[in-house]
């Protein structure tokens, strides 16, 4: 799993949630760094924040889908994000959930995006 967030606390929390459930996790602090890691993949799932400097999560999702259209992308964002009106899901994002995310909600999202 690739986890992308410029803020350390949410990035670490999501990474720990995933690790507890046996997922191997790679983290990135910015969109460009994440895309470089993505190209080294493969990853079962990309989990990205939206509001990040230089390259936001929607832009990262666009690059990822251009490279691998089948790659699932989960976006986590605060509803206070002014660049993303409430209820709007960027076109290259498969699922969007609010931050902070609970461990249960993350497990449900993974099950939805990565059916067995």
PDB file of N, CA and C in Angstrom:
ATOM      1  N   UNK A   1       0.848  -1.166   0.000  1.00  0.00           N
ATOM      2  CA  UNK A   1       0.000   0.000   0.000  1.00  0.00           C
ATOM      3  C   UNK A   1       0.900   1.239   0.000  1.00  0.00           C
ATOM      4  N   UNK A   2       0.506   2.226  -0.769  1.00  0.00           N
ATOM      5  CA  UNK A   2       1.219   3.499  -0.802  1.00  0.00           C
ATOM      6  C   UNK A   2       0.353   4.538  -0.100  1.00  0.00           C
ATOM      7  N   UNK A   3       0.894   5.158   0.943  1.00  0.00           N
ATOM      8  CA  UNK A   3       0.176   6.157   1.733  1.00  0.00           C
ATOM      9  C   UNK A   3       0.862   7.496   1.547  1.00  0.00           C
ATOM     10  N   UNK A   4       0.084   8.499   1.101  1.00  0.00           N
ATOM     11  CA  UNK A   4       0.639   9.807   0.777  1.00  0.00           C
ATOM     12  C   UNK A   4      -0.074  10.890   1.579  1.00  0.00           C
ATOM     13  N   UNK A   5       0.682  11.630   2.367  1.00  0.00           N
ATOM     14  CA  UNK A   5       0.134  12.764   3.113  1.00  0.00           C
ATOM     15  C   UNK A   5       1.300  13.632   3.542  1.00  0.00           C
ATOM     16  N   UNK A   6       1.171  14.930   3.357  1.00  0.00           N
ATOM     17  CA  UNK A   6       2.245  15.843   3.756  1.00  0.00           C
ATOM     18  C   UNK A   6       2.266  16.072   5.264  1.00  0.00           C
ATOM     19  N   UNK A   7       1.215  15.686   5.953  1.00  0.00           N
ATOM     20  CA  UNK A   7       1.162  15.839   7.408  1.00  0.00           C
ATOM     21  C   UNK A   7       1.519  14.502   8.060  1.00  0.00           C
ATOM     22  N   UNK A   8       2.493  14.515   8.979  1.00  0.00           N
ATOM     23  CA  UNK A   8       2.971  13.253   9.552  1.00  0.00           C
ATOM     24  C   UNK A   8       1.959  12.486  10.392  1.00  0.00           C
ATOM     25  N   UNK A   9       1.129  13.164  11.161  1.00  0.00           N
ATOM     26  CA  UNK A   9       0.213  12.444  12.059  1.00  0.00           C
ATOM     27  C   UNK A   9      -0.792  11.600  11.274  1.00  0.00           C
ATOM     28  N   UNK A  10      -1.554  12.167  10.323  1.00  0.00           N
ATOM     29  CA  UNK A  10      -2.490  11.301   9.597  1.00  0.00           C
ATOM     30  C   UNK A  10      -1.783  10.222   8.781  1.00  0.00           C
ATOM     31  N   UNK A  11      -0.620  10.547   8.211  1.00  0.00           N
ATOM     32  CA  UNK A  11       0.141   9.560   7.439  1.00  0.00           C
ATOM     33  C   UNK A  11       0.551   8.387   8.335  1.00  0.00           C
ATOM     34  N   UNK A  12       1.030   8.699   9.537  1.00  0.00           N
ATOM     35  CA  UNK A  12       1.459   7.652  10.454  1.00  0.00           C
ATOM     36  C   UNK A  12       0.290   6.820  10.966  1.00  0.00           C
ATOM     37  N   UNK A  13      -0.824   7.458  11.242  1.00  0.00           N
ATOM     38  CA  UNK A  13      -2.004   6.728  11.730  1.00  0.00           C
ATOM     39  C   UNK A  13      -2.495   5.741  10.678  1.00  0.00           C
ATOM     40  N   UNK A  14      -2.648   6.198   9.447  1.00  0.00           N
ATOM     41  CA  UNK A  14      -3.119   5.306   8.373  1.00  0.00           C
ATOM     42  C   UNK A  14      -2.111   4.175   8.165  1.00  0.00           C
ATOM     43  N   UNK A  15      -0.828   4.492   8.187  1.00  0.00           N
ATOM     44  CA  UNK A  15       0.209   3.468   8.018  1.00  0.00           C
ATOM     45  C   UNK A  15       0.129   2.419   9.120  1.00  0.00           C
ATOM     46  N   UNK A  16      -0.080   2.867  10.354  1.00  0.00           N
ATOM     47  CA  UNK A  16      -0.186   1.923  11.472  1.00  0.00           C
ATOM     48  C   UNK A  16      -1.439   1.059  11.353  1.00  0.00           C
ATOM     49  N   UNK A  17      -2.566   1.669  10.966  1.00  0.00           N
ATOM     50  CA  UNK A  17      -3.788   0.888  10.751  1.00  0.00           C
ATOM     51  C   UNK A  17      -3.524  -0.236   9.747  1.00  0.00           C
ATOM     52  N   UNK A  18      -2.851   0.109   8.647  1.00  0.00           N
ATOM     53  CA  UNK A  18      -2.580  -0.874   7.601  1.00  0.00           C
ATOM     54  C   UNK A  18      -1.609  -1.950   8.079  1.00  0.00           C
ATOM     55  N   UNK A  19      -0.554  -1.538   8.754  1.00  0.00           N
ATOM     56  CA  UNK A  19       0.463  -2.481   9.237  1.00  0.00           C
ATOM     57  C   UNK A  19      -0.118  -3.485  10.216  1.00  0.00           C
ATOM     58  N   UNK A  20      -1.011  -3.015  11.094  1.00  0.00           N
ATOM     59  CA  UNK A  20      -1.652  -3.901  12.071  1.00  0.00           C
ATOM     60  C   UNK A  20      -2.405  -5.034  11.371  1.00  0.00           C
ATOM     61  N   UNK A  21      -2.915  -4.750  10.186  1.00  0.00           N
ATOM     62  CA  UNK A  21      -3.682  -5.755   9.442  1.00  0.00           C
ATOM     63  C   UNK A  21      -2.825  -6.490   8.420  1.00  0.00           C
ATOM     64  N   UNK A  22      -1.508  -6.386   8.567  1.00  0.00           N
ATOM     65  CA  UNK A  22      -0.601  -7.186   7.758  1.00  0.00           C
ATOM     66  C   UNK A  22      -0.235  -6.631   6.398  1.00  0.00           C
ATOM     67  N   UNK A  23      -0.586  -5.386   6.147  1.00  0.00           N
ATOM     68  CA  UNK A  23      -0.238  -4.792   4.854  1.00  0.00           C
ATOM     69  C   UNK A  23       1.173  -4.219   4.904  1.00  0.00           C
ATOM     70  N   UNK A  24       1.887  -4.365   3.804  1.00  0.00           N
ATOM     71  CA  UNK A  24       3.183  -3.718   3.660  1.00  0.00           C
ATOM     72  C   UNK A  24       2.923  -2.293   3.200  1.00  0.00           C
ATOM     73  N   UNK A  25       3.565  -1.315   3.845  1.00  0.00           N
ATOM     74  CA  UNK A  25       3.256   0.093   3.602  1.00  0.00           C
ATOM     75  C   UNK A  25       4.512   0.858   3.179  1.00  0.00           C
ATOM     76  N   UNK A  26       4.348   1.662   2.141  1.00  0.00           N
ATOM     77  CA  UNK A  26       5.356   2.638   1.722  1.00  0.00           C
ATOM     78  C   UNK A  26       4.700   3.998   1.896  1.00  0.00           C
ATOM     79  N   UNK A  27       5.427   4.955   2.476  1.00  0.00           N
ATOM     80  CA  UNK A  27       4.855   6.288   2.665  1.00  0.00           C
ATOM     81  C   UNK A  27       5.587   7.313   1.822  1.00  0.00           C
ATOM     82  N   UNK A  28       4.874   8.390   1.536  1.00  0.00           N
ATOM     83  CA  UNK A  28       5.435   9.534   0.815  1.00  0.00           C
ATOM     84  C   UNK A  28       4.847  10.798   1.419  1.00  0.00           C
ATOM     85  N   UNK A  29       5.634  11.868   1.383  1.00  0.00           N
ATOM     86  CA  UNK A  29       5.213  13.130   1.985  1.00  0.00           C
ATOM     87  C   UNK A  29       4.728  14.151   0.962  1.00  0.00           C
ATOM     88  N   UNK A  30       4.816  13.808  -0.326  1.00  0.00           N
ATOM     89  CA  UNK A  30       4.410  14.741  -1.386  1.00  0.00           C
ATOM     90  C   UNK A  30       4.024  13.952  -2.631  1.00  0.00           C
ATOM     91  N   UNK A  31       3.264  14.611  -3.500  1.00  0.00           N
ATOM     92  CA  UNK A  31       2.787  13.960  -4.716  1.00  0.00           C
ATOM     93  C   UNK A  31       3.890  13.465  -5.634  1.00  0.00           C
ATOM     94  N   UNK A  32       4.898  14.287  -5.883  1.00  0.00           N
ATOM     95  CA  UNK A  32       5.983  13.884  -6.780  1.00  0.00           C
ATOM     96  C   UNK A  32       6.753  12.695  -6.218  1.00  0.00           C
ATOM     97  N   UNK A  33       7.029  12.727  -4.927  1.00  0.00           N
ATOM     98  CA  UNK A  33       7.711  11.608  -4.266  1.00  0.00           C
ATOM     99  C   UNK A  33       6.851  10.345  -4.370  1.00  0.00           C
ATOM    100  N   UNK A  34       5.558  10.496  -4.163  1.00  0.00           N
ATOM    101  CA  UNK A  34       4.642   9.361  -4.238  1.00  0.00           C
ATOM    102  C   UNK A  34       4.620   8.766  -5.639  1.00  0.00           C
ATOM    103  N   UNK A  35       4.616   9.611  -6.650  1.00  0.00           N
ATOM    104  CA  UNK A  35       4.565   9.104  -8.020  1.00  0.00           C
ATOM    105  C   UNK A  35       5.841   8.337  -8.360  1.00  0.00           C
ATOM    106  N   UNK A  36       6.975   8.806  -7.881  1.00  0.00           N
ATOM    107  CA  UNK A  36       8.227   8.078  -8.094  1.00  0.00           C
ATOM    108  C   UNK A  36       8.164   6.712  -7.410  1.00  0.00           C
ATOM    109  N   UNK A  37       7.655   6.658  -6.193  1.00  0.00           N
ATOM    110  CA  UNK A  37       7.491   5.382  -5.497  1.00  0.00           C
ATOM    111  C   UNK A  37       6.500   4.486  -6.236  1.00  0.00           C
ATOM    112  N   UNK A  38       5.419   5.087  -6.723  1.00  0.00           N
ATOM    113  CA  UNK A  38       4.397   4.339  -7.456  1.00  0.00           C
ATOM    114  C   UNK A  38       5.000   3.630  -8.664  1.00  0.00           C
ATOM    115  N   UNK A  39       5.862   4.319  -9.390  1.00  0.00           N
ATOM    116  CA  UNK A  39       6.470   3.728 -10.583  1.00  0.00           C
ATOM    117  C   UNK A  39       7.367   2.548 -10.233  1.00  0.00           C
ATOM    118  N   UNK A  40       7.832   2.474  -8.984  1.00  0.00           N
ATOM    119  CA  UNK A  40       8.650   1.351  -8.532  1.00  0.00           C
ATOM    120  C   UNK A  40       7.779   0.188  -8.063  1.00  0.00           C
ATOM    121  N   UNK A  41       6.466   0.410  -7.919  1.00  0.00           N
ATOM    122  CA  UNK A  41       5.454  -0.501  -7.412  1.00  0.00           C
ATOM    123  C   UNK A  41       5.689  -1.964  -7.714  1.00  0.00           C
ATOM    124  N   UNK A  42       4.670  -2.769  -7.790  1.00  0.00           N
ATOM    125  CA  UNK A  42       3.263  -2.402  -7.781  1.00  0.00           C
ATOM    126  C   UNK A  42       2.714  -2.231  -6.356  1.00  0.00           C
ATOM    127  N   UNK A  43       1.567  -1.576  -6.280  1.00  0.00           N
ATOM    128  CA  UNK A  43       0.849  -1.369  -5.028  1.00  0.00           C
ATOM    129  C   UNK A  43      -0.583  -1.847  -5.203  1.00  0.00           C
ATOM    130  N   UNK A  44      -1.111  -2.494  -4.172  1.00  0.00           N
ATOM    131  CA  UNK A  44      -2.508  -2.918  -4.222  1.00  0.00           C
ATOM    132  C   UNK A  44      -3.438  -1.711  -4.183  1.00  0.00           C
ATOM    133  N   UNK A  45      -3.034  -0.677  -3.434  1.00  0.00           N
ATOM    134  CA  UNK A  45      -3.887   0.487  -3.235  1.00  0.00           C
ATOM    135  C   UNK A  45      -3.024   1.709  -2.979  1.00  0.00           C
ATOM    136  N   UNK A  46      -3.451   2.843  -3.520  1.00  0.00           N
ATOM    137  CA  UNK A  46      -2.830   4.137  -3.213  1.00  0.00           C
ATOM    138  C   UNK A  46      -3.832   4.909  -2.372  1.00  0.00           C
ATOM    139  N   UNK A  47      -3.378   5.376  -1.205  1.00  0.00           N
ATOM    140  CA  UNK A  47      -4.206   6.177  -0.309  1.00  0.00           C
ATOM    141  C   UNK A  47      -3.548   7.541  -0.219  1.00  0.00           C
ATOM    142  N   UNK A  48      -4.263   8.576  -0.654  1.00  0.00           N
ATOM    143  CA  UNK A  48      -3.666   9.904  -0.707  1.00  0.00           C
ATOM    144  C   UNK A  48      -4.546  10.959  -0.060  1.00  0.00           C
ATOM    145  N   UNK A  49      -3.876  11.925   0.527  1.00  0.00           N
ATOM    146  CA  UNK A  49      -4.531  13.144   0.988  1.00  0.00           C
ATOM    147  C   UNK A  49      -4.844  13.985  -0.248  1.00  0.00           C
ATOM    148  N   UNK A  50      -5.751  14.923  -0.127  1.00  0.00           N
ATOM    149  CA  UNK A  50      -6.002  15.819  -1.256  1.00  0.00           C
ATOM    150  C   UNK A  50      -5.148  17.077  -1.161  1.00  0.00           C
ATOM    151  N   UNK A  51      -5.252  17.798  -0.060  1.00  0.00           N
ATOM    152  CA  UNK A  51      -4.593  19.103   0.062  1.00  0.00           C
ATOM    153  C   UNK A  51      -3.116  18.928   0.406  1.00  0.00           C
ATOM    154  N   UNK A  52      -2.284  19.012  -0.625  1.00  0.00           N
ATOM    155  CA  UNK A  52      -0.833  18.930  -0.450  1.00  0.00           C
ATOM    156  C   UNK A  52      -0.200  19.991  -1.342  1.00  0.00           C
ATOM    157  N   UNK A  53       0.946  20.538  -0.941  1.00  0.00           N
ATOM    158  CA  UNK A  53       1.611  21.552  -1.767  1.00  0.00           C
ATOM    159  C   UNK A  53       2.179  20.955  -3.059  1.00  0.00           C
ATOM    160  N   UNK A  54       2.369  21.761  -4.043  1.00  0.00           N
ATOM    161  CA  UNK A  54       2.908  21.426  -5.365  1.00  0.00           C
ATOM    162  C   UNK A  54       2.006  20.514  -6.197  1.00  0.00           C
ATOM    163  N   UNK A  55       1.651  19.340  -5.672  1.00  0.00           N
ATOM    164  CA  UNK A  55       0.794  18.411  -6.401  1.00  0.00           C
ATOM    165  C   UNK A  55      -0.250  17.879  -5.422  1.00  0.00           C
ATOM    166  N   UNK A  56      -1.525  18.187  -5.687  1.00  0.00           N
ATOM    167  CA  UNK A  56      -2.560  17.696  -4.773  1.00  0.00           C
ATOM    168  C   UNK A  56      -2.922  16.243  -5.099  1.00  0.00           C
ATOM    169  N   UNK A  57      -3.762  15.671  -4.272  1.00  0.00           N
ATOM    170  CA  UNK A  57      -4.129  14.271  -4.444  1.00  0.00           C
ATOM    171  C   UNK A  57      -4.848  13.974  -5.744  1.00  0.00           C
ATOM    172  N   UNK A  58      -5.671  14.905  -6.219  1.00  0.00           N
ATOM    173  CA  UNK A  58      -6.371  14.704  -7.492  1.00  0.00           C
ATOM    174  C   UNK A  58      -5.379  14.672  -8.652  1.00  0.00           C
ATOM    175  N   UNK A  59      -4.379  15.543  -8.610  1.00  0.00           N
ATOM    176  CA  UNK A  59      -3.346  15.550  -9.651  1.00  0.00           C
ATOM    177  C   UNK A  59      -2.521  14.265  -9.611  1.00  0.00           C
ATOM    178  N   UNK A  60      -2.199  13.811  -8.404  1.00  0.00           N
ATOM    179  CA  UNK A  60      -1.478  12.546  -8.263  1.00  0.00           C
ATOM    180  C   UNK A  60      -2.312  11.398  -8.818  1.00  0.00           C
ATOM    181  N   UNK A  61      -3.590  11.355  -8.480  1.00  0.00           N
ATOM    182  CA  UNK A  61      -4.477  10.297  -8.983  1.00  0.00           C
ATOM    183  C   UNK A  61      -4.523  10.300 -10.509  1.00  0.00           C
ATOM    184  N   UNK A  62      -4.524  11.475 -11.093  1.00  0.00           N
ATOM    185  CA  UNK A  62      -4.544  11.584 -12.558  1.00  0.00           C
ATOM    186  C   UNK A  62      -3.278  10.966 -13.166  1.00  0.00           C
ATOM    187  N   UNK A  63      -2.122  11.272 -12.595  1.00  0.00           N
ATOM    188  CA  UNK A  63      -0.865  10.686 -13.079  1.00  0.00           C
ATOM    189  C   UNK A  63      -0.863   9.163 -12.920  1.00  0.00           C
ATOM    190  N   UNK A  64      -1.334   8.708 -11.777  1.00  0.00           N
ATOM    191  CA  UNK A  64      -1.368   7.273 -11.500  1.00  0.00           C
ATOM    192  C   UNK A  64      -2.272   6.553 -12.490  1.00  0.00           C
ATOM    193  N   UNK A  65      -3.468   7.089 -12.712  1.00  0.00           N
ATOM    194  CA  UNK A  65      -4.423   6.444 -13.620  1.00  0.00           C
ATOM    195  C   UNK A  65      -3.937   6.487 -15.071  1.00  0.00           C
ATOM    196  N   UNK A  66      -3.162   7.521 -15.433  1.00  0.00           N
ATOM    197  CA  UNK A  66      -2.589   7.583 -16.781  1.00  0.00           C
ATOM    198  C   UNK A  66      -1.570   6.462 -16.973  1.00  0.00           C
ATOM    199  N   UNK A  67      -0.861   6.134 -15.902  1.00  0.00           N
ATOM    200  CA  UNK A  67       0.150   5.071 -15.934  1.00  0.00           C
ATOM    201  C   UNK A  67      -0.497   3.687 -15.842  1.00  0.00           C
ATOM    202  N   UNK A  68      -1.459   3.537 -14.918  1.00  0.00           N
ATOM    203  CA  UNK A  68      -2.148   2.263 -14.682  1.00  0.00           C
ATOM    204  C   UNK A  68      -3.614   2.534 -14.395  1.00  0.00           C
ATOM    205  N   UNK A  69      -4.463   2.537 -15.408  1.00  0.00           N
ATOM    206  CA  UNK A  69      -5.879   2.888 -15.218  1.00  0.00           C
ATOM    207  C   UNK A  69      -6.611   2.016 -14.200  1.00  0.00           C
ATOM    208  N   UNK A  70      -6.167   0.791 -14.008  1.00  0.00           N
ATOM    209  CA  UNK A  70      -6.844  -0.124 -13.092  1.00  0.00           C
ATOM    210  C   UNK A  70      -6.441   0.065 -11.630  1.00  0.00           C
ATOM    211  N   UNK A  71      -5.466   0.929 -11.355  1.00  0.00           N
ATOM    212  CA  UNK A  71      -4.954   1.123  -9.997  1.00  0.00           C
ATOM    213  C   UNK A  71      -6.012   1.770  -9.103  1.00  0.00           C
ATOM    214  N   UNK A  72      -6.416   1.117  -8.013  1.00  0.00           N
ATOM    215  CA  UNK A  72      -7.363   1.744  -7.097  1.00  0.00           C
ATOM    216  C   UNK A  72      -6.714   2.901  -6.326  1.00  0.00           C
ATOM    217  N   UNK A  73      -7.447   4.006  -6.229  1.00  0.00           N
ATOM    218  CA  UNK A  73      -6.982   5.191  -5.507  1.00  0.00           C
ATOM    219  C   UNK A  73      -8.065   5.606  -4.516  1.00  0.00           C
ATOM    220  N   UNK A  74      -7.671   5.669  -3.246  1.00  0.00           N
ATOM    221  CA  UNK A  74      -8.539   6.129  -2.165  1.00  0.00           C
ATOM    222  C   UNK A  74      -8.038   7.497  -1.725  1.00  0.00           C
ATOM    223  N   UNK A  75      -8.927   8.466  -1.681  1.00  0.00           N
ATOM    224  CA  UNK A  75      -8.550   9.804  -1.233  1.00  0.00           C
ATOM    225  C   UNK A  75      -9.158  10.073   0.133  1.00  0.00           C
ATOM    226  N   UNK A  76      -8.321  10.576   1.037  1.00  0.00           N
ATOM    227  CA  UNK A  76      -8.769  11.007   2.355  1.00  0.00           C
ATOM    228  C   UNK A  76      -8.635  12.519   2.405  1.00  0.00           C
ATOM    229  N   UNK A  77      -9.691  13.188   2.827  1.00  0.00           N
ATOM    230  CA  UNK A  77      -9.622  14.648   2.872  1.00  0.00           C
ATOM    231  C   UNK A  77     -10.545  15.190   3.942  1.00  0.00           C
ATOM    232  N   UNK A  78     -10.197  16.348   4.448  1.00  0.00           N
ATOM    233  CA  UNK A  78     -11.072  17.042   5.383  1.00  0.00           C
ATOM    234  C   UNK A  78     -12.144  17.781   4.603  1.00  0.00           C
ATOM    235  N   UNK A  79     -13.361  17.786   5.118  1.00  0.00           N
ATOM    236  CA  UNK A  79     -14.426  18.498   4.412  1.00  0.00           C
ATOM    237  C   UNK A  79     -14.205  19.998   4.402  1.00  0.00           C
ATOM    238  N   UNK A  80     -13.255  20.470   5.190  1.00  0.00           N
ATOM    239  CA  UNK A  80     -12.955  21.898   5.179  1.00  0.00           C
ATOM    240  C   UNK A  80     -12.008  22.273   4.047  1.00  0.00           C
ATOM    241  N   UNK A  81     -11.634  21.297   3.224  1.00  0.00           N
ATOM    242  CA  UNK A  81     -10.725  21.545   2.109  1.00  0.00           C
ATOM    243  C   UNK A  81     -11.420  22.448   1.093  1.00  0.00           C
ATOM    244  N   UNK A  82     -11.004  23.731   0.981  1.00  0.00           N
ATOM    245  CA  UNK A  82     -11.685  24.660   0.084  1.00  0.00           C
ATOM    246  C   UNK A  82     -11.511  24.329  -1.394  1.00  0.00           C
ATOM    247  N   UNK A  83     -10.497  23.549  -1.727  1.00  0.00           N
ATOM    248  CA  UNK A  83     -10.263  23.206  -3.131  1.00  0.00           C
ATOM    249  C   UNK A  83     -11.156  22.067  -3.597  1.00  0.00           C
ATOM    250  N   UNK A  84     -11.898  21.455  -2.677  1.00  0.00           N
ATOM    251  CA  UNK A  84     -12.717  20.304  -3.010  1.00  0.00           C
ATOM    252  C   UNK A  84     -14.081  20.456  -2.353  1.00  0.00           C
ATOM    253  N   UNK A  85     -15.051  21.013  -3.068  1.00  0.00           N
ATOM    254  CA  UNK A  85     -16.375  21.217  -2.470  1.00  0.00           C
ATOM    255  C   UNK A  85     -16.969  19.916  -1.943  1.00  0.00           C
ATOM    256  N   UNK A  86     -17.692  20.031  -0.859  1.00  0.00           N
ATOM    257  CA  UNK A  86     -18.295  18.863  -0.197  1.00  0.00           C
ATOM    258  C   UNK A  86     -19.070  18.009  -1.205  1.00  0.00           C
ATOM    259  N   UNK A  87     -18.796  16.710  -1.165  1.00  0.00           N
ATOM    260  CA  UNK A  87     -19.502  15.779  -2.043  1.00  0.00           C
ATOM    261  C   UNK A  87     -18.869  15.605  -3.408  1.00  0.00           C
ATOM    262  N   UNK A  88     -17.855  16.383  -3.724  1.00  0.00           N
ATOM    263  CA  UNK A  88     -17.201  16.289  -5.021  1.00  0.00           C
ATOM    264  C   UNK A  88     -16.080  15.258  -4.953  1.00  0.00           C
ATOM    265  N   UNK A  89     -16.131  14.275  -5.828  1.00  0.00           N
ATOM    266  CA  UNK A  89     -15.071  13.272  -5.911  1.00  0.00           C
ATOM    267  C   UNK A  89     -14.325  13.503  -7.219  1.00  0.00           C
ATOM    268  N   UNK A  90     -13.017  13.735  -7.156  1.00  0.00           N
ATOM    269  CA  UNK A  90     -12.246  13.919  -8.384  1.00  0.00           C
ATOM    270  C   UNK A  90     -12.404  12.718  -9.313  1.00  0.00           C
ATOM    271  N   UNK A  91     -12.405  12.937 -10.620  1.00  0.00           N
ATOM    272  CA  UNK A  91     -12.716  11.872 -11.572  1.00  0.00           C
ATOM    273  C   UNK A  91     -11.776  10.663 -11.542  1.00  0.00           C
ATOM    274  N   UNK A  92     -10.537  10.824 -11.156  1.00  0.00           N
ATOM    275  CA  UNK A  92      -9.597   9.703 -11.166  1.00  0.00           C
ATOM    276  C   UNK A  92      -9.482   9.013  -9.804  1.00  0.00           C
ATOM    277  N   UNK A  93     -10.360   9.372  -8.885  1.00  0.00           N
ATOM    278  CA  UNK A  93     -10.359   8.794  -7.543  1.00  0.00           C
ATOM    279  C   UNK A  93     -11.492   7.782  -7.451  1.00  0.00           C
ATOM    280  N   UNK A  94     -11.180   6.593  -6.955  1.00  0.00           N
ATOM    281  CA  UNK A  94     -12.185   5.532  -6.869  1.00  0.00           C
ATOM    282  C   UNK A  94     -13.106   5.671  -5.672  1.00  0.00           C
ATOM    283  N   UNK A  95     -12.577   6.219  -4.577  1.00  0.00           N
ATOM    284  CA  UNK A  95     -13.377   6.391  -3.375  1.00  0.00           C
ATOM    285  C   UNK A  95     -12.764   7.523  -2.565  1.00  0.00           C
ATOM    286  N   UNK A  96     -13.621   8.342  -1.954  1.00  0.00           N
ATOM    287  CA  UNK A  96     -13.143   9.441  -1.120  1.00  0.00           C
ATOM    288  C   UNK A  96     -13.816   9.344   0.243  1.00  0.00           C
ATOM    289  N   UNK A  97     -13.010   9.482   1.298  1.00  0.00           N
ATOM    290  CA  UNK A  97     -13.522   9.424   2.662  1.00  0.00           C
ATOM    291  C   UNK A  97     -12.991  10.608   3.459  1.00  0.00           C
ATOM    292  N   UNK A  98     -13.735  11.009   4.498  1.00  0.00           N
ATOM    293  CA  UNK A  98     -13.293  12.148   5.315  1.00  0.00           C
ATOM    294  C   UNK A  98     -12.187  11.767   6.291  1.00  0.00           C
ATOM    295  N   UNK A  99     -11.362  12.763   6.604  1.00  0.00           N
ATOM    296  CA  UNK A  99     -10.361  12.626   7.671  1.00  0.00           C
ATOM    297  C   UNK A  99     -10.918  13.280   8.908  1.00  0.00           C
ATOM    298  N   UNK A 100     -10.611  12.770  10.066  1.00  0.00           N
ATOM    299  CA  UNK A 100      -9.805  11.575  10.311  1.00  0.00           C
ATOM    300  C   UNK A 100     -10.603  10.309  10.004  1.00  0.00           C
ATOM    301  N   UNK A 101      -9.899   9.277   9.576  1.00  0.00           N
ATOM    302  CA  UNK A 101     -10.555   8.015   9.232  1.00  0.00           C
ATOM    303  C   UNK A 101     -10.357   7.026  10.382  1.00  0.00           C
ATOM    304  N   UNK A 102     -11.385   6.252  10.643  1.00  0.00           N
ATOM    305  CA  UNK A 102     -11.280   5.224  11.684  1.00  0.00           C
ATOM    306  C   UNK A 102     -10.680   3.960  11.063  1.00  0.00           C
ATOM    307  N   UNK A 103     -10.173   3.114  11.921  1.00  0.00           N
ATOM    308  CA  UNK A 103      -9.611   1.852  11.457  1.00  0.00           C
ATOM    309  C   UNK A 103     -10.700   1.020  10.774  1.00  0.00           C
ATOM    310  N   UNK A 104     -11.893   1.025  11.331  1.00  0.00           N
ATOM    311  CA  UNK A 104     -13.013   0.272  10.752  1.00  0.00           C
ATOM    312  C   UNK A 104     -13.365   0.800   9.361  1.00  0.00           C
ATOM    313  N   UNK A 105     -13.466   2.129   9.218  1.00  0.00           N
ATOM    314  CA  UNK A 105     -13.802   2.709   7.913  1.00  0.00           C
ATOM    315  C   UNK A 105     -12.727   2.409   6.875  1.00  0.00           C
ATOM    316  N   UNK A 106     -11.467   2.412   7.302  1.00  0.00           N
ATOM    317  CA  UNK A 106     -10.381   2.091   6.379  1.00  0.00           C
ATOM    318  C   UNK A 106     -10.480   0.632   5.934  1.00  0.00           C
ATOM    319  N   UNK A 107     -10.744  -0.275   6.864  1.00  0.00           N
ATOM    320  CA  UNK A 107     -10.910  -1.693   6.507  1.00  0.00           C
ATOM    321  C   UNK A 107     -12.058  -1.869   5.516  1.00  0.00           C
ATOM    322  N   UNK A 108     -13.172  -1.180   5.754  1.00  0.00           N
ATOM    323  CA  UNK A 108     -14.330  -1.267   4.852  1.00  0.00           C
ATOM    324  C   UNK A 108     -13.992  -0.722   3.460  1.00  0.00           C
ATOM    325  N   UNK A 109     -13.255   0.368   3.409  1.00  0.00           N
ATOM    326  CA  UNK A 109     -12.855   0.952   2.128  1.00  0.00           C
ATOM    327  C   UNK A 109     -11.956  -0.007   1.360  1.00  0.00           C
ATOM    328  N   UNK A 110     -11.027  -0.625   2.056  1.00  0.00           N
ATOM    329  CA  UNK A 110     -10.129  -1.584   1.405  1.00  0.00           C
ATOM    330  C   UNK A 110     -10.931  -2.758   0.858  1.00  0.00           C
ATOM    331  N   UNK A 111     -11.866  -3.266   1.637  1.00  0.00           N
ATOM    332  CA  UNK A 111     -12.700  -4.381   1.186  1.00  0.00           C
ATOM    333  C   UNK A 111     -13.507  -3.986  -0.051  1.00  0.00           C
ATOM    334  N   UNK A 112     -13.960  -2.751  -0.093  1.00  0.00           N
ATOM    335  CA  UNK A 112     -14.747  -2.268  -1.231  1.00  0.00           C
ATOM    336  C   UNK A 112     -13.890  -2.109  -2.484  1.00  0.00           C
ATOM    337  N   UNK A 113     -12.670  -1.625  -2.312  1.00  0.00           N
ATOM    338  CA  UNK A 113     -11.797  -1.363  -3.460  1.00  0.00           C
ATOM    339  C   UNK A 113     -11.005  -2.582  -3.906  1.00  0.00           C
ATOM    340  N   UNK A 114     -10.774  -3.515  -2.987  1.00  0.00           N
ATOM    341  CA  UNK A 114      -9.977  -4.711  -3.300  1.00  0.00           C
ATOM    342  C   UNK A 114     -10.771  -5.961  -2.965  1.00  0.00           C
ATOM    343  N   UNK A 115     -11.845  -6.227  -3.710  1.00  0.00           N
ATOM    344  CA  UNK A 115     -12.637  -7.412  -3.389  1.00  0.00           C
ATOM    345  C   UNK A 115     -11.797  -8.681  -3.518  1.00  0.00           C
ATOM    346  N   UNK A 116     -12.075  -9.611  -2.648  1.00  0.00           N
ATOM    347  CA  UNK A 116     -11.289 -10.872  -2.613  1.00  0.00           C
ATOM    348  C   UNK A 116     -11.520 -11.717  -3.834  1.00  0.00           C
TER     349      UNK A 116
END
